[in-house]
Amino acid sequence: MSGSSSVARRQEVNFLPDINKPQKHSLAHGWTNPRSRLPKGNELPQQGRSQRPTISKDEIAMFRNSVWKNTCVEMLRGGFHRSFSELSAVLGRWKESRLAAGPGSVIWQQESLDKQPNKLHTLQHYLTRAEAAQRAGAWDQVYDNQLCLAQFFSEPEDRWLSHHFYQVSLASAQRFKMDGGQKEAEASANVAQVYMEQGQVDQARELYECLHQLTAGRLWSKVGGISLRSEACEGLCKVYTLLADGLLQTNDYKPAIKMLNKAFQMAKEAGDRRIEGEAAYRVGVAYQCVGDQEMAKRFLNMYMEICLALKDAEGQGKAYKAITKSLESEGKQAESVQCLEKYAEVSQSNGQQRNLQDACMCLGVACTSRGHDNRACTYFEQGYEIARDLGEVSLLQKAQVYLGSARAYSMIRKYSRHVETASHSDLQILIAWKARREDVFTDTTSSVTHT
């Protein structure tokens, strides 16, 4: 019973119209448009919309446009017109330099700045931050952002960018006075170094002298603990030395010596003994050029003392050689030879073969000038052997010439003495020498090996 009733209920449900009883349908009342079921505007239901992502025009433009154009658009939309102008100027400067260098140059082979996303984004980031800080009157933050850019472009091909932002940062630092001038001092040191790299010595001198005044009585230091006062002194030492070198080339010795003395004073104030020693050596050599050997030895002895304190064997040898020249100018031959022997000892004990070879050659020349031909031959032979071990052709050829000349002079003097004496035994020795062309004279030294 229950089963039949359930079947009956199923039969009562009509899912489709009965085809055996056709009904009239009215277009006005019986038919409905399926689109009317959609929301207004033919929009999809909310659930369908969430499953289908939309892309804005800006996002499409980011894919279609170049990195350079997107960067410029973003800066201009943000209202950073000054940053956009500076970025455009930097790119224009690079293009001008590239055209000036021409095809085949190093810069011609480099990739354009507007095609390097990392550099463009870095420029955009710090330039816009600097402009925002400038609007707020925070010149210390302007300087910090420009300094970050200068330090970021550290690769050789980007040095021009680094130089540009160092120079820009100096102008910003000069407008910030809340720190007593520390940022200005730091910026001056950076730009002075830029001028030194570019060979603009006069501009570097002006900035280093300004830095020297700013740091008077100050304990300021850069990141890393570098003293700004010491950097000013070392920078002035380099500048004065370069200016003095130019004067020495034109034989203007008096102003050159004055400039080198200023460099020496700056080196002493810097507190670096190595720099101080090198400056003292240059002053000593300059005094040698004008014949003031007393002043020359005074500064050269300073250099010697500093080298001994620093255990600088190379410097000791250079000092001994320079002092020898002053002693020779004063006619103190014995003392000059002793000084050269110390030069040779220092070089040998420290394994400085090149300096030892130079010392042997100098000793050979000194002995030749005093008529000590046998000793001269010994020293020249030692110099020849060392040059051969070093494998340097120029040194070897020089040693060969000096050794051959010394042997010839030694032979001539021996030969002349036998001719002047003209005894029977002397004549026999001369005849034997002519027959064999060997050193058969009785006063030859066993220390010299003949070839």
Protein backbone atom coordinates (compact mmCIF):
# COMPACT_ATOMS: atom_id res chain seq x y z
CA MET A 1 0.00 0.00 0.00
CA SER A 2 2.68 2.39 0.99
CA GLY A 3 4.65 1.60 -2.10
CA SER A 4 1.73 2.27 -4.43
CA SER A 5 0.93 5.57 -2.73
CA SER A 6 4.50 6.74 -3.19
CA VAL A 7 4.37 5.85 -6.85
CA ALA A 8 1.17 7.79 -7.18
CA ARG A 9 2.75 10.84 -5.66
CA ARG A 10 5.64 10.64 -8.11
CA GLN A 11 3.25 10.54 -11.02
CA GLU A 12 1.47 13.68 -9.88
CA VAL A 13 4.62 15.77 -10.32
CA ASN A 14 4.78 17.25 -13.82
CA PHE A 15 8.16 18.58 -14.79
CA LEU A 16 7.26 19.47 -18.37
CA PRO A 17 3.97 20.55 -20.02
CA ASP A 18 1.81 17.78 -21.26
CA ILE A 19 2.35 17.50 -24.97
CA ASN A 20 -1.01 15.91 -25.42
CA LYS A 21 -2.75 19.07 -24.19
CA PRO A 22 -1.26 21.99 -26.12
CA GLN A 23 -1.80 25.39 -24.59
CA LYS A 24 -1.79 28.79 -26.23
CA HIS A 25 1.12 30.98 -25.21
CA SER A 26 1.00 34.72 -25.31
CA LEU A 27 4.16 36.60 -26.17
CA ALA A 28 3.07 39.36 -23.88
CA HIS A 29 2.37 37.22 -20.83
CA GLY A 30 3.86 33.81 -21.32
CA TRP A 31 7.48 34.60 -22.44
CA THR A 32 10.18 36.33 -20.36
CA ASN A 33 13.60 37.54 -21.56
CA PRO A 34 16.49 35.71 -19.82
CA ARG A 35 18.56 38.94 -19.71
CA SER A 36 15.94 40.49 -17.45
CA ARG A 37 17.10 38.21 -14.69
CA LEU A 38 20.57 39.89 -14.69
CA PRO A 39 21.19 42.99 -12.58
CA LYS A 40 20.94 46.36 -14.23
CA GLY A 41 23.82 47.20 -16.52
CA ASN A 42 24.14 43.56 -17.59
CA GLU A 43 26.61 43.00 -14.74
CA LEU A 44 27.57 39.56 -13.53
CA PRO A 45 26.63 38.50 -10.03
CA GLN A 46 29.07 39.50 -7.29
CA GLN A 47 30.33 35.94 -6.94
CA GLY A 48 31.23 35.80 -10.64
CA ARG A 49 33.00 39.15 -10.58
CA SER A 50 35.32 38.13 -7.75
CA GLN A 51 36.51 35.19 -9.79
CA ARG A 52 37.46 37.32 -12.81
CA PRO A 53 40.36 39.86 -12.03
CA THR A 54 40.34 43.31 -13.57
CA ILE A 55 43.44 45.24 -14.82
CA SER A 56 43.51 49.00 -14.71
CA LYS A 57 44.82 51.27 -17.43
CA ASP A 58 47.80 52.22 -15.26
CA GLU A 59 48.76 48.58 -14.83
CA ILE A 60 48.51 48.02 -18.56
CA ALA A 61 50.70 51.07 -19.16
CA MET A 62 53.34 49.73 -16.80
CA PHE A 63 53.75 46.70 -19.05
CA ARG A 64 53.58 48.60 -22.32
CA ASN A 65 55.80 51.59 -21.44
CA SER A 66 59.57 51.56 -20.83
CA VAL A 67 61.08 51.69 -17.35
CA TRP A 68 62.24 55.23 -18.02
CA LYS A 69 58.74 56.44 -18.99
CA ASN A 70 57.09 54.74 -16.03
CA THR A 71 59.65 56.31 -13.68
CA CYS A 72 59.07 59.77 -15.10
CA VAL A 73 55.28 59.40 -14.98
CA GLU A 74 55.39 58.26 -11.38
CA MET A 75 57.59 61.19 -10.36
CA LEU A 76 55.40 63.74 -12.13
CA ARG A 77 52.16 62.27 -10.72
CA GLY A 78 53.69 62.54 -7.29
CA GLY A 79 54.42 66.20 -7.86
CA PHE A 80 58.22 65.80 -7.87
CA HIS A 81 58.92 68.08 -10.82
CA ARG A 82 62.35 69.16 -9.55
CA SER A 83 63.44 65.52 -9.23
CA PHE A 84 62.18 64.81 -12.74
CA SER A 85 64.14 67.76 -14.12
CA GLU A 86 67.33 66.69 -12.37
CA LEU A 87 66.97 63.10 -13.55
CA SER A 88 66.40 64.28 -17.13
CA ALA A 89 69.44 66.57 -16.89
CA VAL A 90 71.63 63.70 -15.67
CA LEU A 91 70.54 61.49 -18.56
CA GLY A 92 71.10 64.33 -21.04
CA ARG A 93 74.60 64.87 -19.68
CA TRP A 94 75.42 61.18 -20.13
CA LYS A 95 74.19 61.23 -23.72
CA GLU A 96 76.26 64.32 -24.50
CA SER A 97 79.38 62.69 -23.08
CA ARG A 98 78.70 59.56 -25.08
CA LEU A 99 78.32 61.48 -28.34
CA ALA A 100 81.46 63.48 -27.60
CA ALA A 101 83.46 60.29 -26.99
CA GLY A 102 82.19 58.73 -30.22
CA PRO A 103 81.93 55.11 -31.38
CA GLY A 104 84.58 52.76 -30.08
CA SER A 105 84.97 54.58 -26.75
CA VAL A 106 84.35 52.94 -23.39
CA ILE A 107 81.24 55.01 -22.66
CA TRP A 108 79.85 54.17 -26.10
CA GLN A 109 79.79 50.49 -25.16
CA GLN A 110 77.97 51.09 -21.86
CA GLU A 111 74.25 50.55 -21.46
CA SER A 112 72.23 53.73 -21.29
CA LEU A 113 71.15 54.91 -17.86
CA ASP A 114 67.46 54.94 -18.87
CA LYS A 115 67.62 51.18 -19.51
CA GLN A 116 68.98 50.18 -16.09
CA PRO A 117 66.01 49.73 -13.70
CA ASN A 118 68.06 49.39 -10.53
CA LYS A 119 69.87 52.69 -11.05
CA LEU A 120 66.71 54.48 -12.18
CA HIS A 121 64.73 53.33 -9.15
CA THR A 122 67.60 54.32 -6.83
CA LEU A 123 67.75 57.76 -8.39
CA GLN A 124 63.98 58.14 -8.15
CA HIS A 125 63.92 57.05 -4.51
CA TYR A 126 66.60 59.40 -3.19
CA LEU A 127 65.85 62.35 -5.46
CA THR A 128 62.20 62.43 -4.42
CA ARG A 129 63.13 62.06 -0.76
CA ALA A 130 65.60 64.92 -1.10
CA GLU A 131 62.97 67.11 -2.78
CA ALA A 132 60.41 66.35 -0.06
CA ALA A 133 63.00 67.24 2.60
CA GLN A 134 63.85 70.45 0.76
CA ARG A 135 60.20 71.50 0.79
CA ALA A 136 60.20 70.96 4.54
CA GLY A 137 63.40 72.98 4.95
CA ALA A 138 65.29 69.95 6.31
CA TRP A 139 68.60 70.55 4.55
CA ASP A 140 70.39 67.95 6.64
CA GLN A 141 68.10 65.28 5.16
CA VAL A 142 68.57 66.72 1.70
CA TYR A 143 72.33 66.34 2.16
CA ASP A 144 72.00 62.79 3.52
CA ASN A 145 69.96 61.62 0.52
CA GLN A 146 72.33 63.22 -1.98
CA LEU A 147 75.27 61.66 -0.16
CA CYS A 148 73.61 58.24 -0.41
CA LEU A 149 73.40 58.68 -4.17
CA ALA A 150 77.04 59.72 -4.40
CA GLN A 151 78.12 56.65 -2.44
CA PHE A 152 75.81 54.31 -4.36
CA PHE A 153 77.44 55.03 -7.74
CA SER A 154 80.85 53.64 -6.84
CA GLU A 155 81.58 51.59 -9.96
CA PRO A 156 84.19 53.02 -12.37
CA GLU A 157 81.66 53.65 -15.14
CA ASP A 158 79.44 55.56 -12.67
CA ARG A 159 82.12 57.79 -11.13
CA TRP A 160 80.80 60.81 -13.01
CA LEU A 161 77.45 60.36 -11.24
CA SER A 162 79.20 60.05 -7.89
CA HIS A 163 81.14 63.26 -8.57
CA HIS A 164 77.92 65.06 -9.56
CA PHE A 165 76.07 64.21 -6.37
CA TYR A 166 79.08 64.97 -4.17
CA GLN A 167 79.15 68.47 -5.65
CA VAL A 168 75.39 68.87 -5.28
CA SER A 169 75.55 67.72 -1.66
CA LEU A 170 78.10 70.43 -0.82
CA ALA A 171 75.60 73.17 -1.70
CA SER A 172 72.99 71.52 0.53
CA ALA A 173 75.44 71.09 3.41
CA GLN A 174 76.37 74.77 3.27
CA ARG A 175 72.72 75.66 3.93
CA PHE A 176 72.57 73.56 7.10
CA LYS A 177 74.13 75.37 10.07
CA MET A 178 72.65 73.50 13.03
CA ASP A 179 75.72 71.26 13.50
CA GLY A 180 78.34 74.01 13.52
CA GLY A 181 79.50 73.19 10.00
CA GLN A 182 80.31 69.49 10.35
CA LYS A 183 78.30 68.43 7.30
CA GLU A 184 79.86 71.25 5.30
CA ALA A 185 83.31 70.04 6.35
CA GLU A 186 82.49 66.47 5.34
CA ALA A 187 81.08 67.60 2.00
CA SER A 188 84.13 69.80 1.37
CA ALA A 189 86.41 66.83 1.95
CA ASN A 190 84.40 64.73 -0.51
CA VAL A 191 84.38 67.36 -3.24
CA ALA A 192 88.07 68.13 -2.73
CA GLN A 193 88.81 64.46 -3.35
CA VAL A 194 86.69 64.67 -6.51
CA TYR A 195 88.79 67.60 -7.74
CA MET A 196 91.97 65.64 -7.01
CA GLU A 197 90.70 62.72 -9.08
CA GLN A 198 89.89 65.11 -11.92
CA GLY A 199 93.30 66.79 -11.73
CA GLN A 200 91.90 70.19 -10.68
CA VAL A 201 94.58 70.94 -8.09
CA ASP A 202 93.80 74.62 -7.55
CA GLN A 203 90.13 73.93 -6.81
CA ALA A 204 91.14 71.11 -4.48
CA ARG A 205 93.56 73.41 -2.67
CA GLU A 206 90.82 75.98 -2.08
CA LEU A 207 88.47 73.39 -0.58
CA TYR A 208 91.15 71.70 1.55
CA GLU A 209 92.20 75.06 2.98
CA CYS A 210 88.54 75.79 3.77
CA LEU A 211 88.27 72.36 5.39
CA HIS A 212 91.43 73.06 7.41
CA GLN A 213 89.83 76.21 8.81
CA LEU A 214 86.48 74.54 9.52
CA THR A 215 88.10 71.70 11.48
CA ALA A 216 90.37 73.87 13.64
CA GLY A 217 89.90 72.71 17.23
CA ARG A 218 87.26 70.16 16.21
CA LEU A 219 87.20 66.41 16.72
CA TRP A 220 84.88 65.68 13.82
CA SER A 221 85.16 62.41 11.98
CA LYS A 222 83.48 60.76 9.00
CA VAL A 223 81.70 57.43 8.97
CA GLY A 224 84.39 54.87 9.71
CA GLY A 225 86.24 57.05 12.21
CA ILE A 226 88.34 59.03 9.71
CA SER A 227 89.32 62.36 11.25
CA LEU A 228 88.28 65.31 9.11
CA ARG A 229 91.19 67.33 10.50
CA SER A 230 93.69 64.68 9.45
CA GLU A 231 92.05 64.39 6.04
CA ALA A 232 92.42 68.15 5.55
CA CYS A 233 96.11 68.03 6.47
CA GLU A 234 96.85 65.03 4.28
CA GLY A 235 94.96 66.59 1.39
CA LEU A 236 96.92 69.84 1.69
CA CYS A 237 100.15 67.86 1.86
CA LYS A 238 99.30 66.18 -1.46
CA VAL A 239 98.21 69.45 -3.06
CA TYR A 240 101.33 71.36 -1.99
CA THR A 241 103.53 68.50 -3.18
CA LEU A 242 101.89 68.48 -6.63
CA LEU A 243 102.27 72.23 -6.93
CA ALA A 244 105.93 71.96 -5.89
CA ASP A 245 106.56 69.27 -8.50
CA GLY A 246 105.31 71.64 -11.18
CA LEU A 247 107.70 74.35 -9.94
CA LEU A 248 110.64 71.95 -9.85
CA GLN A 249 110.04 71.01 -13.47
CA THR A 250 110.58 74.65 -14.42
CA ASN A 251 113.62 74.94 -12.08
CA ASP A 252 111.84 77.38 -9.74
CA TYR A 253 113.57 75.93 -6.70
CA LYS A 254 112.94 78.61 -4.08
CA PRO A 255 109.12 78.68 -4.36
CA ALA A 256 109.19 74.89 -4.72
CA ILE A 257 111.12 74.49 -1.47
CA LYS A 258 108.70 76.88 0.24
CA MET A 259 105.77 74.82 -0.98
CA LEU A 260 107.42 71.56 0.10
CA ASN A 261 108.03 72.97 3.58
CA LYS A 262 104.31 73.74 3.83
CA ALA A 263 103.59 70.18 2.78
CA PHE A 264 105.95 68.93 5.48
CA GLN A 265 104.17 70.99 8.14
CA MET A 266 100.80 69.62 7.05
CA ALA A 267 102.19 66.08 7.15
CA LYS A 268 103.40 66.61 10.72
CA GLU A 269 100.00 67.99 11.75
CA ALA A 270 98.23 65.02 10.16
CA GLY A 271 99.97 62.73 12.65
CA ASP A 272 100.93 60.06 10.12
CA ARG A 273 104.63 59.27 10.51
CA ARG A 274 104.90 57.61 7.13
CA ILE A 275 103.54 60.70 5.34
CA GLU A 276 105.75 62.92 7.47
CA GLY A 277 108.82 60.92 6.50
CA GLU A 278 108.06 61.08 2.78
CA ALA A 279 107.53 64.84 3.03
CA ALA A 280 110.86 65.27 4.84
CA TYR A 281 112.61 63.26 2.12
CA ARG A 282 111.20 65.47 -0.62
CA VAL A 283 112.33 68.63 1.18
CA GLY A 284 115.82 67.17 1.61
CA VAL A 285 116.13 66.29 -2.08
CA ALA A 286 114.94 69.81 -3.02
CA TYR A 287 117.65 71.38 -0.87
CA GLN A 288 120.19 69.17 -2.63
CA CYS A 289 119.12 70.73 -5.93
CA VAL A 290 120.08 74.23 -4.71
CA GLY A 291 123.33 73.00 -3.14
CA ASP A 292 122.30 73.47 0.50
CA GLN A 293 123.69 70.15 1.71
CA GLU A 294 123.40 70.95 5.42
CA MET A 295 119.65 71.50 5.20
CA ALA A 296 119.39 68.50 2.90
CA LYS A 297 121.09 66.22 5.43
CA ARG A 298 118.94 67.63 8.22
CA PHE A 299 115.70 66.59 6.53
CA LEU A 300 117.15 63.33 5.19
CA ASN A 301 118.26 62.36 8.69
CA MET A 302 114.68 63.06 9.87
CA TYR A 303 113.51 60.67 7.20
CA MET A 304 116.07 58.10 8.32
CA GLU A 305 114.90 58.30 11.95
CA ILE A 306 111.27 57.86 10.95
CA CYS A 307 112.14 54.85 8.78
CA LEU A 308 114.07 53.27 11.65
CA ALA A 309 111.11 53.82 13.98
CA LEU A 310 108.71 52.30 11.44
CA LYS A 311 111.18 49.50 10.56
CA ASP A 312 110.94 50.55 6.93
CA ALA A 313 113.96 48.93 5.28
CA GLU A 314 113.03 50.28 1.86
CA GLY A 315 112.97 53.81 3.23
CA GLN A 316 116.26 53.33 5.06
CA GLY A 317 117.97 52.35 1.85
CA LYS A 318 116.52 55.36 0.04
CA ALA A 319 117.72 57.64 2.85
CA TYR A 320 121.26 56.20 2.80
CA LYS A 321 121.47 56.70 -0.95
CA ALA A 322 120.26 60.32 -0.73
CA ILE A 323 122.63 61.16 2.13
CA THR A 324 125.49 59.70 0.09
CA LYS A 325 124.83 62.27 -2.61
CA SER A 326 125.15 65.13 -0.10
CA LEU A 327 128.36 63.69 1.31
CA GLU A 328 129.85 63.37 -2.18
CA SER A 329 128.93 66.99 -2.92
CA GLU A 330 130.82 68.01 0.22
CA GLY A 331 133.86 65.99 -0.88
CA LYS A 332 133.51 63.45 1.94
CA GLN A 333 134.33 60.40 -0.17
CA ALA A 334 135.14 57.99 2.65
CA GLU A 335 131.92 58.78 4.50
CA SER A 336 129.89 58.45 1.31
CA VAL A 337 131.33 54.96 0.70
CA GLN A 338 130.47 53.96 4.27
CA CYS A 339 126.92 55.21 3.74
CA LEU A 340 126.63 53.15 0.56
CA GLU A 341 127.91 50.08 2.39
CA LYS A 342 125.15 50.55 4.97
CA TYR A 343 122.71 50.80 2.08
CA ALA A 344 123.96 47.47 0.77
CA GLU A 345 123.82 45.84 4.23
CA VAL A 346 120.23 46.94 4.87
CA SER A 347 119.15 45.74 1.43
CA GLN A 348 120.86 42.37 1.81
CA SER A 349 119.54 41.71 5.31
CA ASN A 350 115.97 42.42 4.16
CA GLY A 351 116.19 40.46 0.90
CA GLN A 352 115.77 43.52 -1.31
CA GLN A 353 117.68 42.30 -4.33
CA ARG A 354 116.90 45.25 -6.54
CA ASN A 355 118.18 47.72 -3.95
CA LEU A 356 121.22 45.52 -3.31
CA GLN A 357 122.05 45.55 -7.01
CA ASP A 358 121.72 49.33 -7.04
CA ALA A 359 123.97 49.63 -3.97
CA CYS A 360 126.66 47.44 -5.60
CA MET A 361 126.62 49.57 -8.74
CA CYS A 362 126.87 52.78 -6.70
CA LEU A 363 129.78 51.36 -4.71
CA GLY A 364 131.49 50.35 -7.93
CA VAL A 365 131.19 53.88 -9.32
CA ALA A 366 132.47 55.37 -6.05
CA CYS A 367 135.52 53.06 -6.06
CA THR A 368 136.23 53.84 -9.72
CA SER A 369 136.25 57.60 -9.03
CA ARG A 370 138.80 57.04 -6.25
CA GLY A 371 141.02 54.81 -8.41
CA HIS A 372 140.22 51.56 -6.60
CA ASP A 373 139.76 49.54 -9.74
CA ASN A 374 139.97 46.10 -8.19
CA ARG A 375 137.28 46.87 -5.62
CA ALA A 376 135.19 48.48 -8.32
CA CYS A 377 135.40 45.30 -10.40
CA THR A 378 134.31 43.26 -7.39
CA TYR A 379 131.23 45.41 -6.79
CA PHE A 380 130.33 45.52 -10.47
CA GLU A 381 130.58 41.74 -10.68
CA GLN A 382 128.23 41.40 -7.74
CA GLY A 383 125.81 43.81 -9.40
CA TYR A 384 126.08 41.81 -12.64
CA GLU A 385 125.28 38.53 -10.87
CA ILE A 386 122.26 40.00 -9.08
CA ALA A 387 120.94 41.55 -12.31
CA ARG A 388 121.28 38.18 -14.02
CA ASP A 389 119.31 36.51 -11.22
CA LEU A 390 116.61 39.16 -11.46
CA GLY A 391 116.36 38.56 -15.20
CA GLU A 392 116.07 42.27 -16.07
CA VAL A 393 117.81 43.01 -19.35
CA SER A 394 118.27 46.74 -18.75
CA LEU A 395 120.02 46.20 -15.41
CA LEU A 396 122.11 43.39 -16.88
CA GLN A 397 123.28 45.47 -19.84
CA LYS A 398 124.21 48.39 -17.59
CA ALA A 399 126.20 46.08 -15.29
CA GLN A 400 128.03 44.56 -18.29
CA VAL A 401 129.13 47.98 -19.52
CA TYR A 402 130.32 49.12 -16.10
CA LEU A 403 132.11 45.84 -15.40
CA GLY A 404 133.85 45.85 -18.80
CA SER A 405 134.96 49.47 -18.34
CA ALA A 406 136.25 48.79 -14.82
CA ARG A 407 138.27 45.80 -15.99
CA ALA A 408 139.70 47.80 -18.88
CA TYR A 409 140.75 50.68 -16.59
CA SER A 410 142.28 48.22 -14.14
CA MET A 411 144.21 46.53 -16.93
CA ILE A 412 145.42 49.82 -18.39
CA ARG A 413 146.82 51.01 -15.06
CA LYS A 414 148.66 47.72 -14.49
CA TYR A 415 149.95 47.69 -18.03
CA SER A 416 151.15 51.31 -17.74
CA ARG A 417 153.08 50.62 -14.55
CA HIS A 418 154.96 47.75 -16.18
CA VAL A 419 155.75 49.90 -19.21
CA GLU A 420 157.03 52.73 -17.01
CA THR A 421 159.26 50.41 -14.96
CA ALA A 422 160.59 48.61 -18.08
CA SER A 423 162.66 46.04 -16.14
CA HIS A 424 163.50 42.65 -17.62
CA SER A 425 160.78 40.91 -15.62
CA ASP A 426 158.25 43.61 -16.56
CA LEU A 427 159.02 43.18 -20.23
CA GLN A 428 158.59 39.41 -19.94
CA ILE A 429 155.19 39.92 -18.31
CA LEU A 430 154.13 42.34 -21.07
CA ILE A 431 155.22 39.88 -23.78
CA ALA A 432 153.32 37.06 -22.07
CA TRP A 433 150.20 39.24 -21.83
CA LYS A 434 150.38 40.15 -25.51
CA ALA A 435 150.70 36.47 -26.43
CA ARG A 436 147.78 35.21 -24.35
CA ARG A 437 145.72 38.34 -23.61
CA GLU A 438 145.12 37.08 -20.09
CA ASP A 439 145.58 38.77 -16.76
CA VAL A 440 149.13 37.73 -15.96
CA PHE A 441 150.04 40.78 -13.87
CA THR A 442 151.26 40.10 -10.35
CA ASP A 443 148.97 42.57 -8.54
CA THR A 444 145.71 41.03 -9.66
CA THR A 445 143.15 40.20 -6.97
CA SER A 446 141.92 36.70 -6.46
CA SER A 447 138.41 37.97 -5.72
CA VAL A 448 137.77 38.86 -9.35
CA THR A 449 136.87 36.10 -11.76
CA HIS A 450 137.68 36.92 -15.39
CA THR A 451 135.83 35.65 -18.36
